[in-house]
Amino acid sequence: MQQQRQQTARHGASSTRRFPKRNVGIALAVTATAAVLGSAPSASAGTGQTGHSYRGSVVTDVRTTAKFDFAAGEIPENITVNPDGSTTLSMLGSCAVCQRTHGPQLMHISASGHRTVLVTGQVGEAISGNTRGNDGTVYYSLWAPGNAARNGVYKLLPDGTPRRIAALPADTGPNGLAIDPAGRTLYIADSLKGIIWSAPVSGGPATPWLTDAALAPVPTEALPIGANGVKFHNDALWVSNFNKGTLLRVPVTGTGAAGPVRLVTGGLPNIDDLSFLTPRSDVVFAAQNGSSSQNGPDRVVVIYPNGTYGPVLTSADGLASPSATAVRGDRLYITDGGVPEPHNAKLQTARINFAALHANAAH
């Protein structure tokens, strides 16, 4: 894999920085809100439906913070927000409904907006999920259709060189990527096979951690994509199924095995990647990438612990194929792939209104 530039972000050093004092108030608000929102009862299967009477906008102050060149393959797919306020973005290079003429990229954008391309892949591949270890190590999924020599999960070495640490079969579709809190195990969503794979961060064979029909794609869909976004949160893996429009929760047992799959909510066609309000709260912000396959709305929804949900951003807010969300403090980040004309690929940010979020959780 080529290294397009020698500039490499020092993620590890940034992990030791502390939040400015002005963020103390935000942190207190997040903690108080999470205590209420995280204690709501769990949903039973099939309860995913809009059920909130909004008393104010849950998300405000939507802004475009970075624009990308769709024609050059800068199609953002996934995002990790780092402790120093910088972001790591997966760029597809091409998409399933686009001409495949560019290689994918893994891009770092500093808090001041400086861009560094960390990795460039080959034409026809996709850099899909990415995540960050506690030590600052960057991991990413490389989807190389039909190429067993390249398909799998990679990490960036300290000198910025990419190294494959887990190979996956050529007919699999590595997408969302998550790491456990201990920083020892990676979980990879296979969008083609209905499998969650696991692999040691130190490198080694990837093994099927969970195979379930709930993770599988719908073969008749124009874009057959099953398990998509994946996050390790509160002793469980949370997984979205793009075609089936579901959000699933899979407990991780004391031995590290998968517990029974539980439906958190459904009825969200083209649900893509997701994030949580805080490390403790089960409130989810999920992207619905409707325009990627013309099968639903472009929107971001907030999903409450009881399984009800409601839109907080739509195409009226500039969403264009939203593929992922991330939260840091009171700020929500959204990646837009820009599949529909005029191909407005970008990174958006917005503010989370904790008072409105709290009020809506009570209804």
Protein backbone atom coordinates (compact mmCIF):
# COMPACT_ATOMS: atom_id res chain seq x y z
CA MET A 1 0.00 0.00 0.00
CA GLN A 2 1.37 3.38 -0.93
CA GLN A 3 2.23 6.15 1.51
CA GLN A 4 1.12 9.31 -0.27
CA ARG A 5 2.77 11.73 2.14
CA GLN A 6 5.37 11.45 4.80
CA GLN A 7 3.48 13.68 7.18
CA THR A 8 2.04 11.56 9.99
CA ALA A 9 -0.13 12.71 12.86
CA ARG A 10 1.19 11.96 16.35
CA HIS A 11 -1.97 10.47 17.78
CA GLY A 12 -0.30 8.89 20.79
CA ALA A 13 1.10 12.15 22.10
CA SER A 14 -2.24 13.87 21.70
CA SER A 15 -3.98 11.35 23.92
CA THR A 16 -2.44 12.88 27.02
CA ARG A 17 -3.88 16.35 26.47
CA ARG A 18 -6.61 17.57 28.75
CA PHE A 19 -9.81 19.35 27.88
CA PRO A 20 -9.74 23.13 28.33
CA LYS A 21 -11.37 24.53 31.45
CA ARG A 22 -14.19 25.97 29.38
CA ASN A 23 -15.32 22.40 28.67
CA VAL A 24 -15.88 21.59 32.35
CA GLY A 25 -19.45 22.87 32.19
CA ILE A 26 -20.10 20.77 29.11
CA ALA A 27 -18.71 17.69 30.82
CA LEU A 28 -20.98 18.20 33.82
CA ALA A 29 -24.00 18.62 31.57
CA VAL A 30 -23.12 15.46 29.65
CA THR A 31 -22.69 13.48 32.87
CA ALA A 32 -26.00 14.64 34.32
CA THR A 33 -27.88 13.97 31.10
CA ALA A 34 -26.28 10.57 30.62
CA ALA A 35 -27.28 9.52 34.13
CA VAL A 36 -30.92 10.02 33.20
CA LEU A 37 -30.82 8.83 29.61
CA GLY A 38 -28.73 5.78 30.38
CA SER A 39 -31.18 4.47 32.95
CA ALA A 40 -34.21 4.13 30.70
CA PRO A 41 -35.65 0.61 30.27
CA SER A 42 -34.46 -1.53 27.39
CA ALA A 43 -36.64 -1.95 24.34
CA SER A 44 -38.32 -5.17 23.36
CA ALA A 45 -38.21 -6.36 19.76
CA GLY A 46 -40.15 -4.24 17.32
CA THR A 47 -40.52 -1.11 19.44
CA GLY A 48 -38.42 1.10 17.18
CA GLN A 49 -40.68 3.96 16.18
CA THR A 50 -40.78 7.68 16.54
CA GLY A 51 -42.35 8.49 19.86
CA HIS A 52 -41.17 11.90 21.03
CA SER A 53 -42.88 15.27 21.24
CA TYR A 54 -39.92 17.57 20.70
CA ARG A 55 -39.72 20.62 22.98
CA GLY A 56 -36.70 22.04 21.20
CA SER A 57 -34.06 21.09 18.70
CA VAL A 58 -31.85 18.29 19.99
CA VAL A 59 -29.13 19.31 17.52
CA THR A 60 -28.38 22.93 16.62
CA ASP A 61 -25.74 25.11 14.97
CA VAL A 62 -25.05 22.83 11.99
CA ARG A 63 -21.91 23.82 10.10
CA THR A 64 -19.73 22.48 7.32
CA THR A 65 -16.18 22.27 8.65
CA ALA A 66 -14.49 20.56 5.70
CA LYS A 67 -15.37 20.12 2.03
CA PHE A 68 -14.07 17.31 -0.16
CA ASP A 69 -13.56 16.66 -3.87
CA PHE A 70 -16.01 13.92 -4.75
CA ALA A 71 -14.70 13.69 -8.32
CA ALA A 72 -11.23 12.93 -6.93
CA GLY A 73 -12.55 10.11 -4.75
CA GLU A 74 -12.73 12.09 -1.51
CA ILE A 75 -15.89 10.37 -0.33
CA PRO A 76 -15.94 10.26 3.50
CA GLU A 77 -17.23 6.99 4.91
CA ASN A 78 -16.17 6.74 8.55
CA ILE A 79 -14.81 8.97 11.30
CA THR A 80 -12.89 8.79 14.56
CA VAL A 81 -12.62 11.91 16.70
CA ASN A 82 -9.34 12.03 18.60
CA PRO A 83 -8.76 13.50 22.08
CA ASP A 84 -7.00 16.58 20.65
CA GLY A 85 -10.03 17.47 18.51
CA SER A 86 -8.54 16.16 15.29
CA THR A 87 -10.36 13.58 13.16
CA THR A 88 -9.39 10.48 11.22
CA LEU A 89 -11.53 9.94 8.13
CA SER A 90 -11.91 6.96 5.81
CA MET A 91 -12.24 8.08 2.18
CA LEU A 92 -13.78 5.53 -0.16
CA GLY A 93 -11.98 6.61 -3.35
CA SER A 94 -15.04 5.37 -5.20
CA CYS A 95 -18.42 4.08 -4.14
CA ALA A 96 -20.66 1.21 -5.18
CA VAL A 97 -22.65 3.48 -7.50
CA CYS A 98 -19.67 5.57 -8.66
CA GLN A 99 -17.01 5.02 -11.28
CA ARG A 100 -14.03 3.30 -9.68
CA THR A 101 -11.17 5.52 -10.80
CA HIS A 102 -9.49 6.51 -7.52
CA GLY A 103 -7.84 4.70 -4.66
CA PRO A 104 -9.23 5.14 -1.13
CA GLN A 105 -7.47 7.20 1.51
CA LEU A 106 -7.15 7.42 5.25
CA MET A 107 -6.98 11.12 6.08
CA HIS A 108 -6.11 13.01 9.26
CA ILE A 109 -7.55 16.49 9.76
CA SER A 110 -6.10 18.53 12.62
CA ALA A 111 -8.25 20.70 14.87
CA SER A 112 -7.01 23.69 12.86
CA GLY A 113 -8.05 22.06 9.56
CA HIS A 114 -4.67 20.85 8.25
CA ARG A 115 -5.03 17.68 6.18
CA THR A 116 -2.59 14.79 6.01
CA VAL A 117 -3.15 11.68 3.90
CA LEU A 118 -1.94 8.78 6.02
CA VAL A 119 -2.60 5.93 3.58
CA THR A 120 -3.64 5.54 -0.05
CA GLY A 121 -5.07 2.26 -1.31
CA GLN A 122 -5.50 0.83 -4.78
CA VAL A 123 -8.24 1.60 -7.28
CA GLY A 124 -11.23 -0.66 -6.67
CA GLU A 125 -10.61 -0.97 -2.93
CA ALA A 126 -12.36 0.86 -0.10
CA ILE A 127 -11.06 2.02 3.25
CA SER A 128 -14.21 1.58 5.31
CA GLY A 129 -14.12 1.55 9.13
CA ASN A 130 -11.42 3.07 11.29
CA THR A 131 -10.83 3.26 15.02
CA ARG A 132 -8.21 4.31 17.55
CA GLY A 133 -6.58 2.34 20.33
CA ASN A 134 -6.02 3.75 23.80
CA ASP A 135 -2.36 4.21 22.94
CA GLY A 136 -3.21 6.25 19.84
CA THR A 137 -2.67 3.45 17.31
CA VAL A 138 -4.84 3.85 14.22
CA TYR A 139 -6.59 0.77 12.81
CA TYR A 140 -8.63 0.58 9.62
CA SER A 141 -10.57 -1.87 7.47
CA LEU A 142 -9.51 -2.35 3.85
CA TRP A 143 -12.19 -3.87 1.64
CA ALA A 144 -10.36 -5.32 -1.38
CA PRO A 145 -12.99 -7.33 -3.32
CA GLY A 146 -11.64 -10.65 -4.54
CA ASN A 147 -8.11 -9.96 -3.31
CA ALA A 148 -7.16 -12.21 -0.42
CA ALA A 149 -3.66 -10.73 -0.40
CA ARG A 150 -4.97 -7.33 0.70
CA ASN A 151 -8.45 -7.76 2.19
CA GLY A 152 -8.53 -7.31 5.98
CA VAL A 153 -7.58 -5.02 8.87
CA TYR A 154 -4.49 -2.83 9.03
CA LYS A 155 -2.76 -0.64 11.56
CA LEU A 156 -0.34 2.25 11.23
CA LEU A 157 3.08 1.58 12.69
CA PRO A 158 4.83 4.38 14.66
CA ASP A 159 6.62 5.52 11.49
CA GLY A 160 3.30 5.76 9.64
CA THR A 161 3.75 2.58 7.59
CA PRO A 162 0.58 0.49 7.21
CA ARG A 163 0.72 -3.19 8.12
CA ARG A 164 -2.00 -5.80 7.70
CA ILE A 165 -2.61 -7.46 11.06
CA ALA A 166 -5.63 -9.61 10.16
CA ALA A 167 -6.37 -11.17 6.79
CA LEU A 168 -9.95 -11.84 5.72
CA PRO A 169 -11.22 -14.11 2.92
CA ALA A 170 -11.47 -12.53 -0.51
CA ASP A 171 -15.27 -12.84 -0.60
CA THR A 172 -15.86 -10.93 2.65
CA GLY A 173 -16.71 -7.25 3.06
CA PRO A 174 -14.86 -5.72 6.05
CA ASN A 175 -16.68 -2.56 7.05
CA GLY A 176 -17.23 -1.15 10.55
CA LEU A 177 -14.40 -1.60 13.04
CA ALA A 178 -14.42 -1.50 16.85
CA ILE A 179 -11.93 -2.18 19.63
CA ASP A 180 -12.65 -3.48 23.11
CA PRO A 181 -11.93 -1.22 26.13
CA ALA A 182 -8.92 -3.31 27.11
CA GLY A 183 -7.42 -2.58 23.72
CA ARG A 184 -6.73 -6.24 22.94
CA THR A 185 -9.40 -7.29 20.43
CA LEU A 186 -10.74 -5.80 17.21
CA TYR A 187 -14.24 -6.56 15.94
CA ILE A 188 -14.94 -6.31 12.22
CA ALA A 189 -18.41 -6.09 10.65
CA ASP A 190 -18.60 -8.22 7.50
CA SER A 191 -21.22 -6.58 5.31
CA LEU A 192 -21.44 -9.51 2.88
CA LYS A 193 -21.41 -12.63 5.02
CA GLY A 194 -23.47 -11.76 8.10
CA ILE A 195 -20.44 -12.26 10.33
CA ILE A 196 -18.70 -10.29 13.05
CA TRP A 197 -15.03 -11.25 12.98
CA SER A 198 -12.59 -10.80 15.85
CA ALA A 199 -8.82 -10.45 15.70
CA PRO A 200 -6.07 -9.59 18.19
CA VAL A 201 -4.68 -6.07 17.87
CA SER A 202 -1.19 -7.57 18.03
CA GLY A 203 -1.90 -9.42 14.80
CA GLY A 204 -3.07 -12.92 14.03
CA PRO A 205 -5.89 -14.89 12.42
CA ALA A 206 -9.34 -13.36 12.21
CA THR A 207 -11.99 -15.75 13.50
CA PRO A 208 -15.80 -15.61 13.21
CA TRP A 209 -16.98 -14.23 16.55
CA LEU A 210 -20.67 -14.26 15.63
CA THR A 211 -22.55 -15.55 12.60
CA ASP A 212 -26.24 -14.73 12.60
CA ALA A 213 -29.03 -14.13 10.09
CA ALA A 214 -29.71 -10.80 11.79
CA LEU A 215 -26.34 -9.60 10.46
CA ALA A 216 -26.84 -10.75 6.87
CA PRO A 217 -27.65 -8.50 3.90
CA VAL A 218 -30.82 -8.72 1.83
CA PRO A 219 -29.70 -10.27 -1.50
CA THR A 220 -32.48 -8.62 -3.50
CA GLU A 221 -31.42 -5.10 -2.53
CA ALA A 222 -29.64 -2.99 -5.16
CA LEU A 223 -26.81 -2.52 -2.63
CA PRO A 224 -26.74 -5.74 -0.56
CA ILE A 225 -25.08 -4.61 2.67
CA GLY A 226 -25.76 -6.25 6.02
CA ALA A 227 -23.73 -5.59 9.18
CA ASN A 228 -22.32 -2.10 8.76
CA GLY A 229 -21.49 0.07 11.75
CA VAL A 230 -20.14 -1.57 14.90
CA LYS A 231 -19.26 -0.14 18.32
CA PHE A 232 -18.13 -1.75 21.58
CA HIS A 233 -20.17 -0.09 24.33
CA ASN A 234 -21.27 -1.03 27.86
CA ASP A 235 -20.07 -4.65 27.66
CA ALA A 236 -21.73 -5.28 24.32
CA LEU A 237 -21.24 -4.90 20.60
CA TRP A 238 -23.80 -2.68 18.92
CA VAL A 239 -24.26 -3.37 15.22
CA SER A 240 -26.35 -1.74 12.51
CA ASN A 241 -27.76 -3.72 9.58
CA PHE A 242 -27.93 -1.46 6.52
CA ASN A 243 -30.47 -3.42 4.45
CA LYS A 244 -32.70 -4.52 7.33
CA GLY A 245 -32.78 -1.11 9.01
CA THR A 246 -32.03 -2.50 12.44
CA LEU A 247 -29.83 -1.66 15.40
CA LEU A 248 -28.69 -4.74 17.33
CA ARG A 249 -27.02 -5.27 20.70
CA VAL A 250 -24.87 -8.34 21.33
CA PRO A 251 -23.65 -8.85 24.91
CA VAL A 252 -20.04 -9.92 25.33
CA THR A 253 -19.84 -12.64 27.98
CA GLY A 254 -17.18 -12.97 30.63
CA THR A 255 -15.31 -15.42 28.41
CA GLY A 256 -15.41 -13.00 25.47
CA ALA A 257 -18.04 -14.97 23.56
CA ALA A 258 -21.15 -13.50 21.94
CA GLY A 259 -24.38 -13.54 23.91
CA PRO A 260 -27.88 -13.57 22.35
CA VAL A 261 -28.58 -10.96 19.69
CA ARG A 262 -31.18 -8.41 20.81
CA LEU A 263 -33.05 -5.98 18.58
CA VAL A 264 -32.76 -2.46 19.97
CA THR A 265 -34.86 -0.87 17.26
CA GLY A 266 -35.91 -1.24 13.64
CA GLY A 267 -37.56 0.61 10.78
CA LEU A 268 -34.43 2.61 9.87
CA PRO A 269 -33.64 1.75 6.23
CA ASN A 270 -30.00 2.29 5.24
CA ILE A 271 -28.84 2.79 8.82
CA ASP A 272 -25.08 3.25 8.62
CA ASP A 273 -22.56 3.95 11.37
CA LEU A 274 -23.39 5.16 14.87
CA SER A 275 -22.02 6.73 18.03
CA PHE A 276 -23.03 7.16 21.66
CA LEU A 277 -23.77 10.30 23.65
CA THR A 278 -21.19 9.33 26.30
CA PRO A 279 -19.21 6.19 27.18
CA ARG A 280 -21.92 5.31 29.73
CA SER A 281 -25.12 6.46 28.05
CA ASP A 282 -27.03 4.16 25.70
CA VAL A 283 -28.35 7.11 23.70
CA VAL A 284 -27.29 6.61 20.06
CA PHE A 285 -26.84 9.01 17.16
CA ALA A 286 -27.11 7.03 13.91
CA ALA A 287 -26.76 8.05 10.27
CA GLN A 288 -29.30 6.95 7.67
CA ASN A 289 -27.51 6.94 4.33
CA GLY A 290 -30.64 6.93 2.21
CA SER A 291 -29.36 8.50 -0.99
CA SER A 292 -26.57 5.92 -1.34
CA SER A 293 -29.11 3.48 -2.73
CA GLN A 294 -32.26 5.62 -3.06
CA ASN A 295 -33.87 3.55 -0.33
CA GLY A 296 -34.86 5.95 2.41
CA PRO A 297 -34.22 9.41 3.81
CA ASP A 298 -30.92 11.12 4.43
CA ARG A 299 -31.03 11.88 8.13
CA VAL A 300 -29.44 11.51 11.53
CA VAL A 301 -31.66 10.04 14.24
CA VAL A 302 -31.32 9.94 18.00
CA ILE A 303 -32.23 6.53 19.40
CA TYR A 304 -33.20 6.39 23.07
CA PRO A 305 -32.52 3.42 25.36
CA ASN A 306 -36.17 2.30 25.18
CA GLY A 307 -35.89 1.90 21.39
CA THR A 308 -37.86 4.96 20.33
CA TYR A 309 -36.18 7.42 18.01
CA GLY A 310 -36.63 10.65 16.09
CA PRO A 311 -34.80 12.63 13.42
CA VAL A 312 -32.47 15.39 14.57
CA LEU A 313 -30.98 16.30 11.18
CA THR A 314 -32.29 15.85 7.63
CA SER A 315 -31.40 16.80 4.07
CA ALA A 316 -32.78 20.25 4.92
CA ASP A 317 -29.71 20.62 7.15
CA GLY A 318 -27.41 19.80 4.24
CA LEU A 319 -27.12 16.05 4.75
CA ALA A 320 -26.00 14.26 1.59
CA SER A 321 -25.47 10.52 2.03
CA PRO A 322 -24.58 10.71 5.74
CA SER A 323 -22.53 7.64 6.58
CA ALA A 324 -21.24 8.04 10.15
CA THR A 325 -21.53 10.07 13.32
CA ALA A 326 -19.18 10.76 16.21
CA VAL A 327 -19.59 12.66 19.50
CA ARG A 328 -17.04 14.62 21.51
CA GLY A 329 -18.40 16.64 24.42
CA ASP A 330 -21.39 18.59 23.12
CA ARG A 331 -20.32 18.37 19.49
CA LEU A 332 -21.78 15.96 16.93
CA TYR A 333 -19.74 15.13 13.81
CA ILE A 334 -21.32 13.82 10.59
CA THR A 335 -19.62 12.53 7.43
CA ASP A 336 -21.47 13.13 4.14
CA GLY A 337 -20.45 11.04 1.13
CA GLY A 338 -22.21 13.34 -1.35
CA VAL A 339 -23.50 10.58 -3.63
CA PRO A 340 -26.45 12.58 -5.06
CA GLU A 341 -25.91 15.57 -7.30
CA PRO A 342 -24.24 18.03 -6.80
CA HIS A 343 -21.93 15.59 -4.93
CA ASN A 344 -21.50 17.75 -1.87
CA ALA A 345 -19.08 15.56 0.08
CA LYS A 346 -18.21 17.14 3.44
CA LEU A 347 -17.73 16.93 7.17
CA GLN A 348 -20.39 18.63 9.26
CA THR A 349 -20.49 19.48 12.94
CA ALA A 350 -23.37 20.50 15.17
CA ARG A 351 -24.14 21.19 18.82
CA ILE A 352 -26.09 18.80 21.03
CA ASN A 353 -28.79 20.48 23.09
CA PHE A 354 -28.71 18.44 26.31
CA ALA A 355 -31.79 20.14 27.75
CA ALA A 356 -33.88 19.14 24.74
CA LEU A 357 -32.40 15.66 24.75
CA HIS A 358 -33.28 15.26 28.41
CA ALA A 359 -36.81 16.61 27.93
CA ASN A 360 -37.51 14.33 24.98
CA ALA A 361 -36.28 11.27 26.89
CA ALA A 362 -39.14 11.72 29.36
CA HIS A 363 -41.76 11.26 26.63
